[in-house]
C-alpha atoms as a PDB file:
ATOM      1  CA  UNK A   1      -0.074   0.151  -0.061  1.00  0.00           C
ATOM      2  CA  UNK A   2       1.240   3.945  -1.128  1.00  0.00           C
ATOM      3  CA  UNK A   3       1.650   5.777   2.034  1.00  0.00           C
ATOM      4  CA  UNK A   4      -0.378   8.964   2.027  1.00  0.00           C
ATOM      5  CA  UNK A   5      -1.517  10.258   5.673  1.00  0.00           C
ATOM      6  CA  UNK A   6      -1.860  13.827   6.519  1.00  0.00           C
ATOM      7  CA  UNK A   7      -2.956  16.885   5.505  1.00  0.00           C
ATOM      8  CA  UNK A   8      -3.914  16.517   1.569  1.00  0.00           C
ATOM      9  CA  UNK A   9      -3.647  20.448   0.133  1.00  0.00           C
ATOM     10  CA  UNK A  10      -5.500  21.393  -2.892  1.00  0.00           C
ATOM     11  CA  UNK A  11      -4.019  24.510  -4.526  1.00  0.00           C
ATOM     12  CA  UNK A  12      -7.105  27.422  -4.924  1.00  0.00           C
ATOM     13  CA  UNK A  13      -7.945  29.067  -8.329  1.00  0.00           C
ATOM     14  CA  UNK A  14      -5.042  31.749  -8.162  1.00  0.00           C
ATOM     15  CA  UNK A  15      -3.994  33.402 -11.446  1.00  0.00           C
ATOM     16  CA  UNK A  16      -1.267  34.860  -9.468  1.00  0.00           C
ATOM     17  CA  UNK A  17       1.677  32.485 -10.094  1.00  0.00           C
ATOM     18  CA  UNK A  18       4.240  34.097  -7.210  1.00  0.00           C
ATOM     19  CA  UNK A  19       1.411  34.225  -4.448  1.00  0.00           C
ATOM     20  CA  UNK A  20       0.137  30.698  -5.001  1.00  0.00           C
ATOM     21  CA  UNK A  21       3.786  29.392  -4.796  1.00  0.00           C
ATOM     22  CA  UNK A  22       3.817  31.575  -1.593  1.00  0.00           C
ATOM     23  CA  UNK A  23       0.780  30.004  -0.668  1.00  0.00           C
ATOM     24  CA  UNK A  24       2.051  26.211  -1.194  1.00  0.00           C
ATOM     25  CA  UNK A  25       5.584  27.170   0.199  1.00  0.00           C
ATOM     26  CA  UNK A  26       3.827  27.923   3.865  1.00  0.00           C
ATOM     27  CA  UNK A  27       1.874  25.131   3.487  1.00  0.00           C
ATOM     28  CA  UNK A  28       4.926  22.974   2.989  1.00  0.00           C
ATOM     29  CA  UNK A  29       7.042  24.665   5.616  1.00  0.00           C
ATOM     30  CA  UNK A  30       3.710  23.297   7.862  1.00  0.00           C
ATOM     31  CA  UNK A  31       4.892  19.965   7.161  1.00  0.00           C
ATOM     32  CA  UNK A  32       2.357  19.159   3.839  1.00  0.00           C
ATOM     33  CA  UNK A  33       3.821  16.324   2.310  1.00  0.00           C
ATOM     34  CA  UNK A  34       0.970  15.733  -0.544  1.00  0.00           C
ATOM     35  CA  UNK A  35       0.013  18.940  -2.864  1.00  0.00           C
ATOM     36  CA  UNK A  36      -2.729  18.863  -5.474  1.00  0.00           C
ATOM     37  CA  UNK A  37      -2.756  21.080  -7.861  1.00  0.00           C
ATOM     38  CA  UNK A  38      -6.130  22.497  -8.847  1.00  0.00           C
ATOM     39  CA  UNK A  39      -7.294  25.860 -10.794  1.00  0.00           C
ATOM     40  CA  UNK A  40      -9.899  25.606 -13.658  1.00  0.00           C
ATOM     41  CA  UNK A  41     -10.338  29.325 -13.835  1.00  0.00           C
ATOM     42  CA  UNK A  42      -7.274  29.992 -15.907  1.00  0.00           C
ATOM     43  CA  UNK A  43      -5.645  28.450 -19.326  1.00  0.00           C
ATOM     44  CA  UNK A  44      -3.855  26.051 -20.542  1.00  0.00           C
ATOM     45  CA  UNK A  45      -0.745  27.530 -20.411  1.00  0.00           C
ATOM     46  CA  UNK A  46      -1.028  29.248 -17.057  1.00  0.00           C
ATOM     47  CA  UNK A  47      -1.671  25.983 -15.491  1.00  0.00           C
ATOM     48  CA  UNK A  48       1.055  24.588 -17.441  1.00  0.00           C
ATOM     49  CA  UNK A  49       3.571  26.979 -15.796  1.00  0.00           C
ATOM     50  CA  UNK A  50       2.486  27.042 -12.678  1.00  0.00           C
ATOM     51  CA  UNK A  51       2.082  22.954 -12.416  1.00  0.00           C
ATOM     52  CA  UNK A  52       5.817  23.186 -13.821  1.00  0.00           C
ATOM     53  CA  UNK A  53       6.829  25.823 -10.908  1.00  0.00           C
ATOM     54  CA  UNK A  54       4.905  23.492  -7.955  1.00  0.00           C
ATOM     55  CA  UNK A  55       6.768  20.239  -8.959  1.00  0.00           C
ATOM     56  CA  UNK A  56      10.014  22.303  -8.510  1.00  0.00           C
ATOM     57  CA  UNK A  57       8.964  23.759  -5.431  1.00  0.00           C
ATOM     58  CA  UNK A  58       7.543  20.264  -4.089  1.00  0.00           C
ATOM     59  CA  UNK A  59      10.489  18.167  -5.290  1.00  0.00           C
ATOM     60  CA  UNK A  60      12.668  20.766  -2.960  1.00  0.00           C
ATOM     61  CA  UNK A  61      10.720  19.860   0.074  1.00  0.00           C
ATOM     62  CA  UNK A  62      10.137  16.099  -0.479  1.00  0.00           C
ATOM     63  CA  UNK A  63       6.648  16.483  -1.269  1.00  0.00           C
ATOM     64  CA  UNK A  64       4.364  14.817  -3.356  1.00  0.00           C
ATOM     65  CA  UNK A  65       2.859  16.604  -6.220  1.00  0.00           C
ATOM     66  CA  UNK A  66      -0.934  15.131  -7.704  1.00  0.00           C
ATOM     67  CA  UNK A  67      -2.228  17.158 -11.053  1.00  0.00           C
ATOM     68  CA  UNK A  68      -6.767  17.203 -10.797  1.00  0.00           C
ATOM     69  CA  UNK A  69      -8.498  15.795 -13.427  1.00  0.00           C
ATOM     70  CA  UNK A  70      -5.499  16.481 -16.605  1.00  0.00           C
ATOM     71  CA  UNK A  71      -3.450  13.163 -17.414  1.00  0.00           C
ATOM     72  CA  UNK A  72      -1.549  15.098 -20.218  1.00  0.00           C
ATOM     73  CA  UNK A  73      -0.527  17.805 -18.065  1.00  0.00           C
ATOM     74  CA  UNK A  74       0.236  15.267 -15.436  1.00  0.00           C
ATOM     75  CA  UNK A  75       2.450  13.512 -17.757  1.00  0.00           C
ATOM     76  CA  UNK A  76       4.073  16.673 -19.330  1.00  0.00           C
ATOM     77  CA  UNK A  77       5.650  18.358 -15.644  1.00  0.00           C
ATOM     78  CA  UNK A  78       6.398  14.649 -14.441  1.00  0.00           C
ATOM     79  CA  UNK A  79       4.417  14.769 -11.465  1.00  0.00           C
ATOM     80  CA  UNK A  80       3.964  12.263  -8.939  1.00  0.00           C
ATOM     81  CA  UNK A  81       0.195  11.420  -9.424  1.00  0.00           C
ATOM     82  CA  UNK A  82      -2.748  12.007 -10.776  1.00  0.00           C
ATOM     83  CA  UNK A  83      -6.014  12.132  -9.575  1.00  0.00           C
ATOM     84  CA  UNK A  84      -8.925  11.944 -11.750  1.00  0.00           C
ATOM     85  CA  UNK A  85     -13.261  12.079 -11.327  1.00  0.00           C
ATOM     86  CA  UNK A  86     -16.113   9.868 -11.875  1.00  0.00           C
ATOM     87  CA  UNK A  87     -16.225  12.223 -15.601  1.00  0.00           C
ATOM     88  CA  UNK A  88     -12.701  12.798 -16.209  1.00  0.00           C
ATOM     89  CA  UNK A  89     -11.171   9.733 -18.335  1.00  0.00           C
ATOM     90  CA  UNK A  90     -10.169   6.107 -17.803  1.00  0.00           C
ATOM     91  CA  UNK A  91      -8.570   5.439 -14.731  1.00  0.00           C
ATOM     92  CA  UNK A  92      -7.145   2.014 -16.757  1.00  0.00           C
ATOM     93  CA  UNK A  93      -5.929   4.253 -19.197  1.00  0.00           C
ATOM     94  CA  UNK A  94      -3.849   7.145 -16.960  1.00  0.00           C
ATOM     95  CA  UNK A  95      -2.725   3.831 -15.031  1.00  0.00           C
ATOM     96  CA  UNK A  96      -1.235   2.396 -17.871  1.00  0.00           C
ATOM     97  CA  UNK A  97       0.509   5.856 -19.344  1.00  0.00           C
ATOM     98  CA  UNK A  98       1.636   6.838 -15.670  1.00  0.00           C
ATOM     99  CA  UNK A  99       3.418   3.660 -14.593  1.00  0.00           C
ATOM    100  CA  UNK A 100       3.078   1.538 -11.613  1.00  0.00           C
ATOM    101  CA  UNK A 101       5.034   3.892  -9.361  1.00  0.00           C
ATOM    102  CA  UNK A 102       2.806   7.202  -9.785  1.00  0.00           C
ATOM    103  CA  UNK A 103       0.225   8.132  -7.447  1.00  0.00           C
ATOM    104  CA  UNK A 104      -3.593   7.888  -8.805  1.00  0.00           C
ATOM    105  CA  UNK A 105      -6.271   8.715  -7.128  1.00  0.00           C
ATOM    106  CA  UNK A 106     -10.146   8.851  -8.026  1.00  0.00           C
ATOM    107  CA  UNK A 107     -13.169  10.255  -6.430  1.00  0.00           C
ATOM    108  CA  UNK A 108     -15.679   7.869  -5.180  1.00  0.00           C
ATOM    109  CA  UNK A 109     -18.051  11.014  -4.002  1.00  0.00           C
ATOM    110  CA  UNK A 110     -20.893   8.519  -1.363  1.00  0.00           C
ATOM    111  CA  UNK A 111     -20.956   5.307  -3.319  1.00  0.00           C
ATOM    112  CA  UNK A 112     -18.648   2.379  -2.205  1.00  0.00           C
ATOM    113  CA  UNK A 113     -18.980   0.756  -4.974  1.00  0.00           C
ATOM    114  CA  UNK A 114     -17.039   3.353  -6.979  1.00  0.00           C
ATOM    115  CA  UNK A 115     -14.126   2.528  -4.934  1.00  0.00           C
ATOM    116  CA  UNK A 116     -13.931  -1.355  -5.828  1.00  0.00           C
ATOM    117  CA  UNK A 117     -14.243  -0.748  -9.732  1.00  0.00           C
ATOM    118  CA  UNK A 118     -11.592   2.545  -8.856  1.00  0.00           C
ATOM    119  CA  UNK A 119      -9.276   0.117  -7.523  1.00  0.00           C
ATOM    120  CA  UNK A 120      -9.469  -2.587  -9.820  1.00  0.00           C
ATOM    121  CA  UNK A 121      -8.911  -0.115 -12.728  1.00  0.00           C
ATOM    122  CA  UNK A 122      -5.755   0.811 -11.217  1.00  0.00           C
ATOM    123  CA  UNK A 123      -6.334   3.573  -8.589  1.00  0.00           C
ATOM    124  CA  UNK A 124      -4.189   3.777  -5.372  1.00  0.00           C
ATOM    125  CA  UNK A 125      -5.934   5.880  -2.866  1.00  0.00           C
ATOM    126  CA  UNK A 126      -9.680   6.465  -3.126  1.00  0.00           C
ATOM    127  CA  UNK A 127     -11.532   9.591  -2.223  1.00  0.00           C
ATOM    128  CA  UNK A 128     -15.118  10.037  -0.628  1.00  0.00           C
ATOM    129  CA  UNK A 129     -17.336  13.084   0.318  1.00  0.00           C
ATOM    130  CA  UNK A 130     -18.309  15.838   0.024  1.00  0.00           C
ATOM    131  CA  UNK A 131     -18.688  15.685   4.158  1.00  0.00           C
ATOM    132  CA  UNK A 132     -19.494  19.073   5.080  1.00  0.00           C
ATOM    133  CA  UNK A 133     -20.825  22.122   3.178  1.00  0.00           C
ATOM    134  CA  UNK A 134     -18.103  23.340   1.027  1.00  0.00           C
ATOM    135  CA  UNK A 135     -17.408  26.357  -0.784  1.00  0.00           C
ATOM    136  CA  UNK A 136     -15.892  24.825  -4.053  1.00  0.00           C
ATOM    137  CA  UNK A 137     -19.122  22.774  -4.769  1.00  0.00           C
ATOM    138  CA  UNK A 138     -22.087  23.846  -2.577  1.00  0.00           C
ATOM    139  CA  UNK A 139     -24.405  21.134  -4.463  1.00  0.00           C
ATOM    140  CA  UNK A 140     -22.551  18.061  -3.818  1.00  0.00           C
ATOM    141  CA  UNK A 141     -23.933  15.172  -2.277  1.00  0.00           C
ATOM    142  CA  UNK A 142     -23.300  14.569   1.829  1.00  0.00           C
ATOM    143  CA  UNK A 143     -21.225  11.363   2.278  1.00  0.00           C
ATOM    144  CA  UNK A 144     -21.226  10.022   5.970  1.00  0.00           C
ATOM    145  CA  UNK A 145     -18.319   9.444   7.980  1.00  0.00           C
ATOM    146  CA  UNK A 146     -19.109   5.767   8.593  1.00  0.00           C
ATOM    147  CA  UNK A 147     -18.664   5.518   4.680  1.00  0.00           C
ATOM    148  CA  UNK A 148     -14.793   5.954   5.454  1.00  0.00           C
ATOM    149  CA  UNK A 149     -14.794   2.785   8.236  1.00  0.00           C
ATOM    150  CA  UNK A 150     -16.408   0.813   5.413  1.00  0.00           C
ATOM    151  CA  UNK A 151     -13.993   1.581   2.759  1.00  0.00           C
ATOM    152  CA  UNK A 152     -11.271   1.130   5.385  1.00  0.00           C
ATOM    153  CA  UNK A 153     -12.692  -2.323   6.352  1.00  0.00           C
ATOM    154  CA  UNK A 154     -12.864  -3.507   2.346  1.00  0.00           C
ATOM    155  CA  UNK A 155      -9.427  -2.183   0.807  1.00  0.00           C
ATOM    156  CA  UNK A 156      -6.239  -1.841   1.569  1.00  0.00           C
ATOM    157  CA  UNK A 157      -5.898   1.455  -0.095  1.00  0.00           C
ATOM    158  CA  UNK A 158      -5.377   4.730   1.576  1.00  0.00           C
ATOM    159  CA  UNK A 159      -8.863   6.707   2.275  1.00  0.00           C
ATOM    160  CA  UNK A 160      -8.863  10.322   1.294  1.00  0.00           C
ATOM    161  CA  UNK A 161     -12.027  12.251   2.503  1.00  0.00           C
ATOM    162  CA  UNK A 162     -12.924  15.517   0.632  1.00  0.00           C
ATOM    163  CA  UNK A 163     -15.587  18.350   1.540  1.00  0.00           C
ATOM    164  CA  UNK A 164     -16.012  21.568   3.773  1.00  0.00           C
ATOM    165  CA  UNK A 165     -12.609  20.176   6.463  1.00  0.00           C
ATOM    166  CA  UNK A 166     -11.967  22.541   9.133  1.00  0.00           C
ATOM    167  CA  UNK A 167      -9.424  21.840  11.972  1.00  0.00           C
ATOM    168  CA  UNK A 168     -12.668  21.488  14.030  1.00  0.00           C
ATOM    169  CA  UNK A 169     -14.825  18.903  12.111  1.00  0.00           C
ATOM    170  CA  UNK A 170     -11.365  16.828  10.427  1.00  0.00           C
ATOM    171  CA  UNK A 171     -10.817  14.854  13.249  1.00  0.00           C
ATOM    172  CA  UNK A 172     -14.401  12.757  13.220  1.00  0.00           C
ATOM    173  CA  UNK A 173     -13.283  11.733  10.093  1.00  0.00           C
ATOM    174  CA  UNK A 174      -9.554  10.885  10.793  1.00  0.00           C
ATOM    175  CA  UNK A 175     -11.464   8.925  13.365  1.00  0.00           C
ATOM    176  CA  UNK A 176     -13.902   6.965  11.059  1.00  0.00           C
ATOM    177  CA  UNK A 177     -10.907   6.153   8.958  1.00  0.00           C
ATOM    178  CA  UNK A 178      -9.647   8.665   7.185  1.00  0.00           C
ATOM    179  CA  UNK A 179      -5.453   8.683   6.270  1.00  0.00           C
ATOM    180  CA  UNK A 180      -5.754  11.923   4.900  1.00  0.00           C
ATOM    181  CA  UNK A 181      -8.165  15.166   4.630  1.00  0.00           C
ATOM    182  CA  UNK A 182      -8.033  17.319   1.629  1.00  0.00           C
ATOM    183  CA  UNK A 183      -8.237  20.740   2.067  1.00  0.00           C
ATOM    184  CA  UNK A 184      -8.553  24.208   0.430  1.00  0.00           C
ATOM    185  CA  UNK A 185     -10.348  27.259   1.995  1.00  0.00           C
ATOM    186  CA  UNK A 186      -9.366  26.329   5.737  1.00  0.00           C
ATOM    187  CA  UNK A 187      -5.871  25.937   5.205  1.00  0.00           C
ATOM    188  CA  UNK A 188      -5.041  28.776   2.057  1.00  0.00           C
ATOM    189  CA  UNK A 189      -7.864  30.764   3.341  1.00  0.00           C
ATOM    190  CA  UNK A 190      -5.873  31.009   6.927  1.00  0.00           C
ATOM    191  CA  UNK A 191      -4.714  33.993   8.344  1.00  0.00           C
ATOM    192  CA  UNK A 192      -1.307  31.985   8.890  1.00  0.00           C
ATOM    193  CA  UNK A 193      -1.284  29.176   6.475  1.00  0.00           C
ATOM    194  CA  UNK A 194       1.841  27.503   7.739  1.00  0.00           C
ATOM    195  CA  UNK A 195       0.273  27.209  11.362  1.00  0.00           C
ATOM    196  CA  UNK A 196      -2.707  25.784   9.850  1.00  0.00           C
ATOM    197  CA  UNK A 197      -0.908  23.036   8.012  1.00  0.00           C
ATOM    198  CA  UNK A 198       1.013  22.405  11.107  1.00  0.00           C
ATOM    199  CA  UNK A 199      -2.683  21.640  13.269  1.00  0.00           C
ATOM    200  CA  UNK A 200      -4.356  19.811  10.123  1.00  0.00           C
ATOM    201  CA  UNK A 201      -1.043  17.752  10.386  1.00  0.00           C
ATOM    202  CA  UNK A 202      -0.696  17.258  14.197  1.00  0.00           C
ATOM    203  CA  UNK A 203      -4.202  16.115  14.178  1.00  0.00           C
ATOM    204  CA  UNK A 204      -2.994  12.413  12.483  1.00  0.00           C
ATOM    205  CA  UNK A 205      -0.056  12.365  15.387  1.00  0.00           C
ATOM    206  CA  UNK A 206      -2.249  10.146  18.019  1.00  0.00           C
ATOM    207  CA  UNK A 207      -4.598   8.541  15.434  1.00  0.00           C
ATOM    208  CA  UNK A 208      -3.881   4.921  14.899  1.00  0.00           C
END
């Protein structure tokens, strides 16, 4: 099983590349070792530029860079992995292109059967949610924390919780079985990003 534990930092939509790098650098300084690049509001050229810079920054700090929903971009910048949603292409095809050593995650939403299919097609970590109201996807179907416990019993892969996660509600998801919590606003919107990252990672210190 590929290790994936702690804060899973998902970047905000940010056109200012210098600001984006500063935010991610603060998260890395707070102990973040998993960064997912997600930017739905910029063009392909800027996404390529930002992903390339983030790849270098993450490599310098010993962190993994995962690209959201874009296999070609992940291949182009030699990212450490890729995360796909249900309508973002074939997991099996992505695994074939990425090879066995890259991380491949899949959004399974609130369906445990989605997870089984994703793993069969090559996913090595699975994500469930949204667990709480999310500013990114406010209309997403809510998931129950019990889904995390069920996934941990059924599958021998890391389980990621997503959607509206804060320092206050993350502990119940970790207790239910989340190996990682994917966070955007509560991390990159915090007054002190480094401190927020450290506090999120500390939540995992005493968990099994």
